[in-house]
Amino acid sequence: MHILSQVDEHRDPTVTAGWRELWFRVVVLTVSCALMVVLFELSVWVLVSTKSISVPAPMAAPPAGWDSDHLVFGAWHTPSTRHTVGTAVFEVEYAINSVGARDVERPQAGPPSRVVVLGDSVTEGWGSRSRSA
């Protein structure tokens, strides 16, 4: 017991106060951020429920030709399918190979070096005919 009282006598009170202030600031910052997120969520919920802003309804099912549960990519074309993609501006038939890519069928054993391009709908050639994509 005598040793513990000597340790407490030599403890610098400014160091302990510094740590307390730091922890207080961290807690205040965390609570402030949490309150901001909650207020933001509530305000968006009010705006959507009063129809002050329009939010499109989620799709009940993925569009034809898409596999939204692909284990690697998340959303990928259904392999070996053909489907039509269109908007008010264009209508194009997509031919999907056995891998699920919008490409011609390619043999698995091929040249030693190949180039694979992965990307978004622009990279895929959204709205372009297969010959142009």
C-alpha atoms as a PDB file:
ATOM      1  CA  MET A   1       0.000   0.000   0.000  1.00  0.00           C
ATOM      2  CA  HIS A   2       2.876   2.308   0.800  1.00  0.00           C
ATOM      3  CA  ILE A   3       4.338   1.870  -2.730  1.00  0.00           C
ATOM      4  CA  LEU A   4       1.037   2.824  -4.411  1.00  0.00           C
ATOM      5  CA  SER A   5       0.778   6.020  -2.432  1.00  0.00           C
ATOM      6  CA  GLN A   6       4.308   6.988  -3.548  1.00  0.00           C
ATOM      7  CA  VAL A   7       3.372   6.411  -7.208  1.00  0.00           C
ATOM      8  CA  ASP A   8       0.295   8.639  -6.864  1.00  0.00           C
ATOM      9  CA  GLU A   9       2.419  11.380  -5.299  1.00  0.00           C
ATOM     10  CA  HIS A  10       4.749  11.458  -8.321  1.00  0.00           C
ATOM     11  CA  ARG A  11       1.963  11.408 -10.979  1.00  0.00           C
ATOM     12  CA  ASP A  12       1.849  14.619 -13.020  1.00  0.00           C
ATOM     13  CA  PRO A  13      -1.692  16.065 -12.791  1.00  0.00           C
ATOM     14  CA  THR A  14      -1.326  17.926 -16.134  1.00  0.00           C
ATOM     15  CA  VAL A  15      -0.823  14.645 -18.023  1.00  0.00           C
ATOM     16  CA  THR A  16      -3.987  13.143 -16.537  1.00  0.00           C
ATOM     17  CA  ALA A  17      -5.932  16.332 -17.290  1.00  0.00           C
ATOM     18  CA  GLY A  18      -4.636  16.288 -20.889  1.00  0.00           C
ATOM     19  CA  TRP A  19      -5.900  12.746 -21.443  1.00  0.00           C
ATOM     20  CA  ARG A  20      -9.260  13.591 -19.905  1.00  0.00           C
ATOM     21  CA  GLU A  21      -9.603  16.604 -22.204  1.00  0.00           C
ATOM     22  CA  LEU A  22      -8.641  14.519 -25.242  1.00  0.00           C
ATOM     23  CA  TRP A  23     -11.202  11.826 -24.374  1.00  0.00           C
ATOM     24  CA  PHE A  24     -13.848  14.479 -23.754  1.00  0.00           C
ATOM     25  CA  ARG A  25     -13.200  15.984 -27.195  1.00  0.00           C
ATOM     26  CA  VAL A  26     -13.328  12.567 -28.870  1.00  0.00           C
ATOM     27  CA  VAL A  27     -16.644  11.747 -27.191  1.00  0.00           C
ATOM     28  CA  VAL A  28     -18.136  15.147 -28.091  1.00  0.00           C
ATOM     29  CA  LEU A  29     -17.003  14.770 -31.722  1.00  0.00           C
ATOM     30  CA  THR A  30     -18.425  11.235 -31.960  1.00  0.00           C
ATOM     31  CA  VAL A  31     -21.776  12.228 -30.467  1.00  0.00           C
ATOM     32  CA  SER A  32     -21.943  15.300 -32.740  1.00  0.00           C
ATOM     33  CA  CYS A  33     -21.302  13.196 -35.855  1.00  0.00           C
ATOM     34  CA  ALA A  34     -23.910  10.634 -34.801  1.00  0.00           C
ATOM     35  CA  LEU A  35     -26.496  13.381 -34.227  1.00  0.00           C
ATOM     36  CA  MET A  36     -25.709  14.903 -37.637  1.00  0.00           C
ATOM     37  CA  VAL A  37     -26.287  11.555 -39.356  1.00  0.00           C
ATOM     38  CA  VAL A  38     -29.552  10.984 -37.480  1.00  0.00           C
ATOM     39  CA  LEU A  39     -30.819  14.497 -38.323  1.00  0.00           C
ATOM     40  CA  PHE A  40     -29.841  14.045 -41.975  1.00  0.00           C
ATOM     41  CA  GLU A  41     -31.655  10.697 -42.172  1.00  0.00           C
ATOM     42  CA  LEU A  42     -34.766  12.169 -40.539  1.00  0.00           C
ATOM     43  CA  SER A  43     -34.808  15.177 -42.853  1.00  0.00           C
ATOM     44  CA  VAL A  44     -34.446  12.971 -45.958  1.00  0.00           C
ATOM     45  CA  TRP A  45     -37.208  10.686 -44.660  1.00  0.00           C
ATOM     46  CA  VAL A  46     -39.513  13.714 -44.175  1.00  0.00           C
ATOM     47  CA  LEU A  47     -38.705  15.076 -47.652  1.00  0.00           C
ATOM     48  CA  VAL A  48     -39.342  11.708 -49.306  1.00  0.00           C
ATOM     49  CA  SER A  49     -42.503  10.914 -47.339  1.00  0.00           C
ATOM     50  CA  THR A  50     -44.010  14.346 -48.096  1.00  0.00           C
ATOM     51  CA  LYS A  51     -43.001  13.909 -51.757  1.00  0.00           C
ATOM     52  CA  SER A  52     -40.941  17.120 -51.659  1.00  0.00           C
ATOM     53  CA  ILE A  53     -38.243  15.225 -53.536  1.00  0.00           C
ATOM     54  CA  SER A  54     -38.860  12.360 -55.923  1.00  0.00           C
ATOM     55  CA  VAL A  55     -36.971   9.130 -55.491  1.00  0.00           C
ATOM     56  CA  PRO A  56     -37.357   6.338 -58.042  1.00  0.00           C
ATOM     57  CA  ALA A  57     -38.799   3.121 -56.682  1.00  0.00           C
ATOM     58  CA  PRO A  58     -36.326   0.241 -56.405  1.00  0.00           C
ATOM     59  CA  MET A  59     -36.500  -2.411 -59.091  1.00  0.00           C
ATOM     60  CA  ALA A  60     -38.444  -5.485 -58.044  1.00  0.00           C
ATOM     61  CA  ALA A  61     -36.159  -7.697 -60.118  1.00  0.00           C
ATOM     62  CA  PRO A  62     -32.999  -7.165 -62.150  1.00  0.00           C
ATOM     63  CA  PRO A  63     -33.535  -6.277 -65.816  1.00  0.00           C
ATOM     64  CA  ALA A  64     -33.643  -9.115 -68.330  1.00  0.00           C
ATOM     65  CA  GLY A  65     -30.208 -10.525 -69.029  1.00  0.00           C
ATOM     66  CA  TRP A  66     -28.662  -9.468 -65.721  1.00  0.00           C
ATOM     67  CA  ASP A  67     -27.576 -11.641 -62.808  1.00  0.00           C
ATOM     68  CA  SER A  68     -27.575  -9.390 -59.739  1.00  0.00           C
ATOM     69  CA  ASP A  69     -26.246 -12.123 -57.423  1.00  0.00           C
ATOM     70  CA  HIS A  70     -22.946 -12.837 -59.196  1.00  0.00           C
ATOM     71  CA  LEU A  71     -20.399 -14.042 -56.627  1.00  0.00           C
ATOM     72  CA  VAL A  72     -17.444 -12.086 -58.062  1.00  0.00           C
ATOM     73  CA  PHE A  73     -18.835  -8.978 -59.759  1.00  0.00           C
ATOM     74  CA  GLY A  74     -22.138  -8.434 -57.930  1.00  0.00           C
ATOM     75  CA  ALA A  75     -24.037  -7.622 -61.130  1.00  0.00           C
ATOM     76  CA  TRP A  76     -23.092  -9.370 -64.346  1.00  0.00           C
ATOM     77  CA  HIS A  77     -24.747 -10.475 -67.559  1.00  0.00           C
ATOM     78  CA  THR A  78     -26.431 -13.869 -67.527  1.00  0.00           C
ATOM     79  CA  PRO A  79     -24.062 -16.116 -69.545  1.00  0.00           C
ATOM     80  CA  SER A  80     -25.014 -17.312 -73.037  1.00  0.00           C
ATOM     81  CA  THR A  81     -28.047 -15.063 -73.448  1.00  0.00           C
ATOM     82  CA  ARG A  82     -29.418 -12.503 -75.868  1.00  0.00           C
ATOM     83  CA  HIS A  83     -31.580  -9.646 -74.684  1.00  0.00           C
ATOM     84  CA  THR A  84     -32.725  -6.258 -75.885  1.00  0.00           C
ATOM     85  CA  VAL A  85     -31.682  -3.089 -74.115  1.00  0.00           C
ATOM     86  CA  GLY A  86     -33.445   0.118 -74.956  1.00  0.00           C
ATOM     87  CA  THR A  87     -34.554   3.557 -73.959  1.00  0.00           C
ATOM     88  CA  ALA A  88     -36.555   6.252 -75.728  1.00  0.00           C
ATOM     89  CA  VAL A  89     -33.418   6.984 -77.795  1.00  0.00           C
ATOM     90  CA  PHE A  90     -32.125   3.545 -78.796  1.00  0.00           C
ATOM     91  CA  GLU A  91     -32.859  -0.161 -78.839  1.00  0.00           C
ATOM     92  CA  VAL A  92     -30.009  -2.650 -79.166  1.00  0.00           C
ATOM     93  CA  GLU A  93     -29.741  -6.407 -78.879  1.00  0.00           C
ATOM     94  CA  TYR A  94     -26.984  -7.619 -76.545  1.00  0.00           C
ATOM     95  CA  ALA A  95     -25.296 -10.952 -77.266  1.00  0.00           C
ATOM     96  CA  ILE A  96     -23.627 -12.291 -74.123  1.00  0.00           C
ATOM     97  CA  ASN A  97     -20.966 -15.004 -74.312  1.00  0.00           C
ATOM     98  CA  SER A  98     -20.546 -18.023 -71.991  1.00  0.00           C
ATOM     99  CA  VAL A  99     -18.472 -15.985 -69.519  1.00  0.00           C
ATOM    100  CA  GLY A 100     -21.173 -13.332 -69.150  1.00  0.00           C
ATOM    101  CA  ALA A 101     -19.318 -10.623 -71.051  1.00  0.00           C
ATOM    102  CA  ARG A 102     -20.638  -8.661 -74.006  1.00  0.00           C
ATOM    103  CA  ASP A 103     -18.150 -10.140 -76.416  1.00  0.00           C
ATOM    104  CA  VAL A 104     -17.771 -12.851 -79.028  1.00  0.00           C
ATOM    105  CA  GLU A 105     -17.154 -16.376 -77.767  1.00  0.00           C
ATOM    106  CA  ARG A 106     -13.433 -16.843 -77.206  1.00  0.00           C
ATOM    107  CA  PRO A 107     -11.562 -20.121 -76.622  1.00  0.00           C
ATOM    108  CA  GLN A 108     -10.127 -20.609 -73.123  1.00  0.00           C
ATOM    109  CA  ALA A 109      -6.783 -21.662 -74.572  1.00  0.00           C
ATOM    110  CA  GLY A 110      -5.548 -18.765 -76.634  1.00  0.00           C
ATOM    111  CA  PRO A 111      -2.546 -16.530 -77.161  1.00  0.00           C
ATOM    112  CA  PRO A 112      -0.230 -16.192 -74.162  1.00  0.00           C
ATOM    113  CA  SER A 113      -1.068 -12.518 -73.648  1.00  0.00           C
ATOM    114  CA  ARG A 114      -4.578 -11.121 -73.698  1.00  0.00           C
ATOM    115  CA  VAL A 115      -6.113  -7.832 -72.690  1.00  0.00           C
ATOM    116  CA  VAL A 116      -9.250  -7.782 -70.565  1.00  0.00           C
ATOM    117  CA  VAL A 117     -11.099  -4.499 -70.128  1.00  0.00           C
ATOM    118  CA  LEU A 118     -13.514  -4.204 -67.214  1.00  0.00           C
ATOM    119  CA  GLY A 119     -15.522  -1.077 -66.611  1.00  0.00           C
ATOM    120  CA  ASP A 120     -18.864   0.626 -66.406  1.00  0.00           C
ATOM    121  CA  SER A 121     -21.654   0.871 -68.966  1.00  0.00           C
ATOM    122  CA  VAL A 122     -19.682   3.340 -71.101  1.00  0.00           C
ATOM    123  CA  THR A 123     -16.754   0.910 -71.320  1.00  0.00           C
ATOM    124  CA  GLU A 124     -19.198  -1.819 -72.284  1.00  0.00           C
ATOM    125  CA  GLY A 125     -20.617   0.318 -75.073  1.00  0.00           C
ATOM    126  CA  TRP A 126     -24.062   1.059 -73.591  1.00  0.00           C
ATOM    127  CA  GLY A 127     -26.459   1.639 -76.459  1.00  0.00           C
ATOM    128  CA  SER A 128     -23.971   0.617 -79.168  1.00  0.00           C
ATOM    129  CA  ARG A 129     -24.445  -2.283 -81.504  1.00  0.00           C
ATOM    130  CA  SER A 130     -22.166  -5.244 -80.754  1.00  0.00           C
ATOM    131  CA  ARG A 131     -19.959  -4.591 -83.779  1.00  0.00           C
ATOM    132  CA  SER A 132     -19.225  -1.057 -82.516  1.00  0.00           C
ATOM    133  CA  ALA A 133     -18.907  -1.810 -78.813  1.00  0.00           C
END
